[in-house]
Amino acid sequence: MNKIKQKGKISLKKNKNNYLCKGIYGLKVLKASLFTEMRFKSLKNNLTRILKKSPIFDKTFQILFHYFPNRPYTKKGILVRCGGGVGNIKYLYVKIPKDSILLEIIPKNKIIRKDINFILIKELKNIIKKYPFLKIINK
């Protein structure tokens, strides 16, 4: 009997979420990947730290995430017998397709000064050094 083998990569369905809806800046995912809770928390903490550094950013911008970790990853303990159902939840994750927008940065005021834009882009580039699979996009 011949075994059926998978040919090619496992690809996620392309999402229609590949353009900015409300914001002026966003972070785009360059390749399909799994995002865990910890990655979301660290990315959100880094962004909020940057936006709260100066009093200008704190009141002018808001962060909108398009994806949330909602799938549980379960694993049984070591030296546990087979059977007895699924193991404990280790962490939550979400599958993000290629070329989709992960988050948007929305201005609360319609008018934004050029110097604020320049500082924001500079800070976003520092974040992208930690996450090489992300890219800055703007409207």
N, C-alpha and C. Protein backbone atom coordinates (compact mmCIF):
# COMPACT_ATOMS: atom_id res chain seq x y z
N MET A 1 0.84 -1.19 0.00
CA MET A 1 0.00 0.00 0.00
C MET A 1 0.88 1.24 0.00
N ASN A 2 0.54 2.18 -0.85
CA ASN A 2 1.29 3.43 -0.92
C ASN A 2 0.70 4.44 0.04
N LYS A 3 1.58 5.13 0.76
CA LYS A 3 1.12 6.18 1.65
C LYS A 3 0.92 7.47 0.87
N ILE A 4 -0.07 8.23 1.22
CA ILE A 4 -0.31 9.51 0.57
C ILE A 4 0.60 10.54 1.21
N LYS A 5 1.39 11.24 0.39
CA LYS A 5 2.31 12.25 0.91
C LYS A 5 1.82 13.64 0.52
N GLN A 6 2.09 14.59 1.40
CA GLN A 6 1.71 15.96 1.12
C GLN A 6 2.72 16.58 0.17
N LYS A 7 2.23 17.28 -0.86
CA LYS A 7 3.11 17.94 -1.81
C LYS A 7 2.97 19.45 -1.64
N GLY A 8 4.09 20.14 -1.52
CA GLY A 8 4.04 21.59 -1.39
C GLY A 8 3.84 22.03 0.05
N LYS A 9 3.71 23.35 0.21
CA LYS A 9 3.56 23.94 1.54
C LYS A 9 2.09 23.95 1.96
N ILE A 10 1.88 23.99 3.27
CA ILE A 10 0.53 24.19 3.79
C ILE A 10 0.29 25.69 3.78
N SER A 11 -0.64 26.14 2.96
CA SER A 11 -0.85 27.58 2.84
C SER A 11 -2.18 27.95 3.47
N LEU A 12 -2.20 29.09 4.12
CA LEU A 12 -3.44 29.61 4.68
C LEU A 12 -4.19 30.36 3.59
N LYS A 13 -5.49 30.43 3.71
CA LYS A 13 -6.26 31.16 2.72
C LYS A 13 -5.91 32.64 2.78
N LYS A 14 -5.81 33.26 1.62
CA LYS A 14 -5.50 34.68 1.59
C LYS A 14 -6.66 35.46 2.19
N ASN A 15 -6.32 36.41 3.01
CA ASN A 15 -7.33 37.19 3.68
C ASN A 15 -7.55 38.49 2.92
N LYS A 16 -8.73 39.04 3.02
CA LYS A 16 -9.01 40.33 2.39
C LYS A 16 -8.49 41.48 3.24
N ASN A 17 -7.87 41.15 4.35
CA ASN A 17 -7.41 42.15 5.30
C ASN A 17 -5.99 42.61 4.94
N ASN A 18 -5.81 43.15 3.73
CA ASN A 18 -4.48 43.55 3.31
C ASN A 18 -4.39 45.05 2.98
N TYR A 19 -5.28 45.85 3.53
CA TYR A 19 -5.20 47.29 3.38
C TYR A 19 -5.64 47.97 4.68
N LEU A 20 -5.23 49.21 4.86
CA LEU A 20 -5.57 49.94 6.08
C LEU A 20 -7.02 50.41 6.02
N CYS A 21 -7.77 50.20 7.10
CA CYS A 21 -9.17 50.61 7.15
C CYS A 21 -9.32 51.99 7.77
N LYS A 22 -8.81 52.13 8.99
CA LYS A 22 -9.03 53.36 9.75
C LYS A 22 -7.76 54.15 9.99
N GLY A 23 -6.65 53.47 10.15
CA GLY A 23 -5.41 54.11 10.57
C GLY A 23 -4.58 54.68 9.43
N ILE A 24 -3.51 55.39 9.82
CA ILE A 24 -2.59 55.94 8.82
C ILE A 24 -1.32 55.11 8.72
N TYR A 25 -0.99 54.36 9.80
CA TYR A 25 0.17 53.46 9.79
C TYR A 25 -0.28 52.10 10.26
N GLY A 26 0.43 51.07 9.77
CA GLY A 26 0.12 49.71 10.17
C GLY A 26 1.33 48.83 10.07
N LEU A 27 1.24 47.63 10.63
CA LEU A 27 2.28 46.63 10.52
C LEU A 27 1.72 45.44 9.74
N LYS A 28 2.42 45.10 8.64
CA LYS A 28 1.99 44.04 7.74
C LYS A 28 2.87 42.81 7.95
N VAL A 29 2.27 41.63 7.92
CA VAL A 29 2.99 40.37 8.09
C VAL A 29 3.48 39.92 6.72
N LEU A 30 4.80 39.69 6.58
CA LEU A 30 5.39 39.33 5.29
C LEU A 30 5.24 37.86 4.94
N LYS A 31 5.21 36.98 5.94
CA LYS A 31 5.02 35.55 5.68
C LYS A 31 4.02 34.98 6.68
N ALA A 32 3.30 33.96 6.27
CA ALA A 32 2.31 33.33 7.13
C ALA A 32 3.00 32.76 8.37
N SER A 33 2.43 33.02 9.53
CA SER A 33 3.07 32.57 10.76
C SER A 33 2.05 32.39 11.88
N LEU A 34 2.51 31.77 12.95
CA LEU A 34 1.71 31.61 14.16
C LEU A 34 2.11 32.69 15.15
N PHE A 35 1.14 33.38 15.71
CA PHE A 35 1.40 34.39 16.72
C PHE A 35 0.85 33.89 18.04
N THR A 36 1.70 33.81 19.06
CA THR A 36 1.27 33.35 20.37
C THR A 36 0.86 34.53 21.24
N GLU A 37 0.32 34.22 22.40
CA GLU A 37 -0.07 35.26 23.35
C GLU A 37 1.11 36.14 23.74
N MET A 38 2.26 35.50 23.96
CA MET A 38 3.44 36.24 24.43
C MET A 38 3.92 37.24 23.38
N ARG A 39 3.85 36.84 22.11
CA ARG A 39 4.26 37.77 21.05
C ARG A 39 3.34 38.97 21.00
N PHE A 40 2.03 38.73 21.13
CA PHE A 40 1.07 39.83 21.14
C PHE A 40 1.33 40.76 22.32
N LYS A 41 1.56 40.18 23.50
CA LYS A 41 1.79 41.00 24.69
C LYS A 41 3.05 41.85 24.55
N SER A 42 4.13 41.23 24.05
CA SER A 42 5.38 41.99 23.93
C SER A 42 5.26 43.09 22.89
N LEU A 43 4.59 42.81 21.77
CA LEU A 43 4.40 43.82 20.74
C LEU A 43 3.55 44.98 21.25
N LYS A 44 2.48 44.65 21.96
CA LYS A 44 1.60 45.68 22.50
C LYS A 44 2.33 46.52 23.55
N ASN A 45 3.11 45.85 24.43
CA ASN A 45 3.85 46.59 25.45
C ASN A 45 4.88 47.52 24.83
N ASN A 46 5.59 47.04 23.80
CA ASN A 46 6.57 47.90 23.13
C ASN A 46 5.92 49.12 22.50
N LEU A 47 4.78 48.91 21.83
CA LEU A 47 4.09 50.03 21.19
C LEU A 47 3.55 51.02 22.21
N THR A 48 2.93 50.52 23.28
CA THR A 48 2.37 51.44 24.27
C THR A 48 3.48 52.19 25.00
N ARG A 49 4.63 51.53 25.21
CA ARG A 49 5.76 52.21 25.84
C ARG A 49 6.23 53.38 24.98
N ILE A 50 6.27 53.15 23.66
CA ILE A 50 6.69 54.21 22.74
C ILE A 50 5.66 55.34 22.71
N LEU A 51 4.38 54.97 22.64
CA LEU A 51 3.34 55.98 22.53
C LEU A 51 3.13 56.75 23.83
N LYS A 52 3.56 56.18 24.97
CA LYS A 52 3.41 56.89 26.24
C LYS A 52 4.68 57.60 26.68
N LYS A 53 5.76 57.46 25.91
CA LYS A 53 7.01 58.14 26.27
C LYS A 53 6.81 59.64 26.36
N SER A 54 6.22 60.20 25.32
CA SER A 54 6.00 61.64 25.32
C SER A 54 4.51 61.92 25.47
N PRO A 55 4.15 63.04 26.07
CA PRO A 55 2.73 63.35 26.25
C PRO A 55 2.01 63.62 24.93
N ILE A 56 2.76 63.88 23.87
CA ILE A 56 2.14 64.13 22.56
C ILE A 56 1.51 62.85 22.04
N PHE A 57 2.26 61.72 22.09
CA PHE A 57 1.77 60.46 21.54
C PHE A 57 0.61 59.89 22.33
N ASP A 58 0.63 60.07 23.64
CA ASP A 58 -0.34 59.42 24.50
C ASP A 58 -1.77 59.81 24.13
N LYS A 59 -1.98 61.07 23.76
CA LYS A 59 -3.33 61.55 23.49
C LYS A 59 -3.69 61.57 22.02
N THR A 60 -2.74 61.29 21.14
CA THR A 60 -3.02 61.44 19.72
C THR A 60 -3.23 60.14 18.96
N PHE A 61 -2.74 59.00 19.49
CA PHE A 61 -2.83 57.74 18.75
C PHE A 61 -3.52 56.64 19.54
N GLN A 62 -4.10 55.69 18.78
CA GLN A 62 -4.76 54.53 19.36
C GLN A 62 -4.33 53.30 18.55
N ILE A 63 -4.17 52.14 19.20
CA ILE A 63 -3.73 50.93 18.54
C ILE A 63 -4.94 50.00 18.32
N LEU A 64 -5.10 49.50 17.09
CA LEU A 64 -6.18 48.58 16.75
C LEU A 64 -5.59 47.28 16.21
N PHE A 65 -5.81 46.17 16.93
CA PHE A 65 -5.33 44.85 16.49
C PHE A 65 -6.42 44.19 15.63
N HIS A 66 -6.01 43.57 14.53
CA HIS A 66 -6.95 42.86 13.66
C HIS A 66 -7.09 41.39 14.03
N TYR A 67 -6.12 40.85 14.73
CA TYR A 67 -6.14 39.43 15.11
C TYR A 67 -5.98 39.29 16.62
N PHE A 68 -6.55 38.21 17.16
CA PHE A 68 -6.41 37.91 18.58
C PHE A 68 -6.15 36.41 18.73
N PRO A 69 -5.28 36.02 19.68
CA PRO A 69 -5.03 34.59 19.87
C PRO A 69 -6.26 33.90 20.47
N ASN A 70 -6.85 32.99 19.71
CA ASN A 70 -8.09 32.36 20.16
C ASN A 70 -8.06 30.83 20.05
N ARG A 71 -6.98 30.24 19.55
CA ARG A 71 -6.89 28.78 19.42
C ARG A 71 -6.00 28.23 20.53
N PRO A 72 -6.45 27.23 21.23
CA PRO A 72 -5.62 26.66 22.30
C PRO A 72 -4.62 25.64 21.75
N TYR A 73 -3.41 25.67 22.27
CA TYR A 73 -2.39 24.66 21.97
C TYR A 73 -2.29 23.77 23.21
N THR A 74 -2.62 22.50 23.04
CA THR A 74 -2.64 21.59 24.19
C THR A 74 -1.49 20.60 24.10
N LYS A 75 -1.01 20.18 25.26
CA LYS A 75 0.07 19.20 25.31
C LYS A 75 -0.05 18.41 26.61
N LYS A 76 0.18 17.10 26.48
CA LYS A 76 0.17 16.25 27.67
C LYS A 76 1.52 16.31 28.36
N GLY A 77 1.52 16.02 29.63
CA GLY A 77 2.76 16.00 30.39
C GLY A 77 3.66 14.84 30.00
N ILE A 78 4.91 14.90 30.43
CA ILE A 78 5.86 13.83 30.16
C ILE A 78 5.52 12.62 31.03
N LEU A 79 5.71 11.43 30.50
CA LEU A 79 5.45 10.15 31.18
C LEU A 79 3.98 9.96 31.55
N VAL A 80 3.08 10.53 30.72
CA VAL A 80 1.65 10.33 30.94
C VAL A 80 1.17 9.29 29.93
N ARG A 81 0.34 8.36 30.40
CA ARG A 81 -0.14 7.30 29.51
C ARG A 81 -1.04 7.87 28.41
N CYS A 82 -1.17 7.11 27.33
CA CYS A 82 -2.05 7.51 26.23
C CYS A 82 -3.51 7.39 26.68
N GLY A 83 -4.36 8.09 26.02
CA GLY A 83 -5.79 8.08 26.35
C GLY A 83 -6.11 9.13 27.39
N GLY A 84 -7.34 9.21 27.76
CA GLY A 84 -7.75 10.16 28.79
C GLY A 84 -8.02 11.55 28.25
N GLY A 85 -8.14 11.67 26.94
CA GLY A 85 -8.52 12.95 26.36
C GLY A 85 -7.33 13.86 26.07
N VAL A 86 -7.67 15.09 25.73
CA VAL A 86 -6.66 16.09 25.35
C VAL A 86 -5.96 16.59 26.60
N GLY A 87 -4.72 16.99 26.45
CA GLY A 87 -3.95 17.48 27.59
C GLY A 87 -4.31 18.90 27.99
N ASN A 88 -3.52 19.46 28.88
CA ASN A 88 -3.76 20.82 29.37
C ASN A 88 -3.41 21.86 28.31
N ILE A 89 -4.05 23.02 28.40
CA ILE A 89 -3.76 24.12 27.48
C ILE A 89 -2.42 24.73 27.85
N LYS A 90 -1.50 24.76 26.88
CA LYS A 90 -0.19 25.32 27.12
C LYS A 90 -0.19 26.83 26.85
N TYR A 91 -0.72 27.23 25.70
CA TYR A 91 -0.86 28.65 25.37
C TYR A 91 -1.88 28.81 24.26
N LEU A 92 -2.25 30.05 23.98
CA LEU A 92 -3.17 30.36 22.89
C LEU A 92 -2.38 30.93 21.72
N TYR A 93 -2.88 30.70 20.51
CA TYR A 93 -2.20 31.23 19.33
C TYR A 93 -3.23 31.57 18.25
N VAL A 94 -2.77 32.24 17.20
CA VAL A 94 -3.60 32.54 16.03
C VAL A 94 -2.74 32.39 14.79
N LYS A 95 -3.34 31.85 13.72
CA LYS A 95 -2.65 31.74 12.44
C LYS A 95 -2.90 33.02 11.65
N ILE A 96 -1.83 33.66 11.21
CA ILE A 96 -1.97 34.90 10.45
C ILE A 96 -1.49 34.65 9.02
N PRO A 97 -2.36 34.89 8.02
CA PRO A 97 -1.96 34.65 6.64
C PRO A 97 -0.95 35.67 6.13
N LYS A 98 -0.31 35.34 5.01
CA LYS A 98 0.69 36.20 4.40
C LYS A 98 0.04 37.50 3.88
N ASP A 99 0.77 38.59 3.95
CA ASP A 99 0.37 39.91 3.44
C ASP A 99 -0.92 40.44 4.08
N SER A 100 -1.15 40.12 5.34
CA SER A 100 -2.31 40.69 6.03
C SER A 100 -1.83 41.67 7.10
N ILE A 101 -2.67 42.61 7.44
CA ILE A 101 -2.30 43.65 8.40
C ILE A 101 -2.56 43.16 9.81
N LEU A 102 -1.53 43.25 10.65
CA LEU A 102 -1.63 42.78 12.03
C LEU A 102 -2.29 43.84 12.91
N LEU A 103 -1.85 45.08 12.78
CA LEU A 103 -2.41 46.15 13.60
C LEU A 103 -2.37 47.47 12.86
N GLU A 104 -3.17 48.42 13.35
CA GLU A 104 -3.20 49.77 12.79
C GLU A 104 -3.00 50.78 13.90
N ILE A 105 -2.38 51.90 13.56
CA ILE A 105 -2.24 53.01 14.50
C ILE A 105 -3.14 54.13 14.01
N ILE A 106 -4.14 54.44 14.82
CA ILE A 106 -5.19 55.38 14.43
C ILE A 106 -4.97 56.71 15.14
N PRO A 107 -4.94 57.83 14.42
CA PRO A 107 -4.86 59.13 15.08
C PRO A 107 -6.23 59.54 15.63
N LYS A 108 -6.25 60.10 16.82
CA LYS A 108 -7.51 60.57 17.39
C LYS A 108 -7.91 61.92 16.81
N ASN A 109 -6.91 62.74 16.47
CA ASN A 109 -7.19 64.03 15.85
C ASN A 109 -6.97 63.90 14.35
N LYS A 110 -7.71 64.68 13.55
CA LYS A 110 -7.56 64.63 12.09
C LYS A 110 -6.23 65.22 11.65
N ILE A 111 -5.79 66.27 12.31
CA ILE A 111 -4.56 66.96 11.90
C ILE A 111 -3.40 66.43 12.73
N ILE A 112 -2.33 65.99 12.03
CA ILE A 112 -1.13 65.49 12.70
C ILE A 112 0.07 66.25 12.17
N ARG A 113 0.90 66.71 13.08
CA ARG A 113 2.09 67.46 12.65
C ARG A 113 3.11 66.54 12.00
N LYS A 114 3.93 67.10 11.11
CA LYS A 114 4.93 66.31 10.39
C LYS A 114 6.01 65.77 11.32
N ASP A 115 6.39 66.56 12.34
CA ASP A 115 7.44 66.09 13.25
C ASP A 115 6.98 64.88 14.06
N ILE A 116 5.70 64.80 14.39
CA ILE A 116 5.17 63.64 15.12
C ILE A 116 5.23 62.40 14.22
N ASN A 117 4.86 62.57 12.94
CA ASN A 117 4.94 61.45 11.98
C ASN A 117 6.37 60.94 11.87
N PHE A 118 7.32 61.83 11.79
CA PHE A 118 8.73 61.44 11.64
C PHE A 118 9.21 60.64 12.85
N ILE A 119 8.85 61.09 14.04
CA ILE A 119 9.26 60.40 15.28
C ILE A 119 8.58 59.02 15.36
N LEU A 120 7.30 58.96 14.97
CA LEU A 120 6.55 57.69 15.02
C LEU A 120 7.17 56.66 14.08
N ILE A 121 7.50 57.05 12.87
CA ILE A 121 8.12 56.12 11.91
C ILE A 121 9.47 55.65 12.43
N LYS A 122 10.23 56.56 13.02
CA LYS A 122 11.55 56.20 13.57
C LYS A 122 11.40 55.15 14.68
N GLU A 123 10.42 55.33 15.54
CA GLU A 123 10.19 54.38 16.64
C GLU A 123 9.67 53.03 16.12
N LEU A 124 8.81 53.06 15.09
CA LEU A 124 8.31 51.81 14.51
C LEU A 124 9.44 51.01 13.87
N LYS A 125 10.41 51.69 13.27
CA LYS A 125 11.55 50.99 12.67
C LYS A 125 12.37 50.27 13.74
N ASN A 126 12.46 50.85 14.93
CA ASN A 126 13.17 50.19 16.04
C ASN A 126 12.44 48.92 16.47
N ILE A 127 11.11 48.93 16.43
CA ILE A 127 10.33 47.74 16.81
C ILE A 127 10.52 46.64 15.77
N ILE A 128 10.56 47.03 14.49
CA ILE A 128 10.66 46.04 13.42
C ILE A 128 11.99 45.29 13.45
N LYS A 129 13.01 45.88 14.05
CA LYS A 129 14.29 45.17 14.19
C LYS A 129 14.11 43.89 15.02
N LYS A 130 13.19 43.92 16.00
CA LYS A 130 12.93 42.74 16.83
C LYS A 130 12.05 41.72 16.11
N TYR A 131 11.20 42.19 15.20
CA TYR A 131 10.27 41.33 14.47
C TYR A 131 10.56 41.47 12.97
N PRO A 132 11.48 40.67 12.41
CA PRO A 132 11.89 40.85 11.01
C PRO A 132 10.82 40.48 9.98
N PHE A 133 9.75 39.78 10.40
CA PHE A 133 8.71 39.37 9.46
C PHE A 133 7.60 40.41 9.35
N LEU A 134 7.78 41.59 9.99
CA LEU A 134 6.79 42.67 9.90
C LEU A 134 7.32 43.80 9.01
N LYS A 135 6.41 44.57 8.44
CA LYS A 135 6.77 45.68 7.57
C LYS A 135 5.84 46.86 7.87
N ILE A 136 6.37 48.08 7.85
CA ILE A 136 5.56 49.28 8.08
C ILE A 136 4.87 49.65 6.78
N ILE A 137 3.57 49.94 6.87
CA ILE A 137 2.87 50.47 5.70
C ILE A 137 2.13 51.73 6.14
N ASN A 138 1.90 52.62 5.19
CA ASN A 138 1.15 53.84 5.49
C ASN A 138 0.17 54.12 4.37
N LYS A 139 -0.81 54.96 4.70
CA LYS A 139 -1.87 55.27 3.74
C LYS A 139 -1.38 56.21 2.69
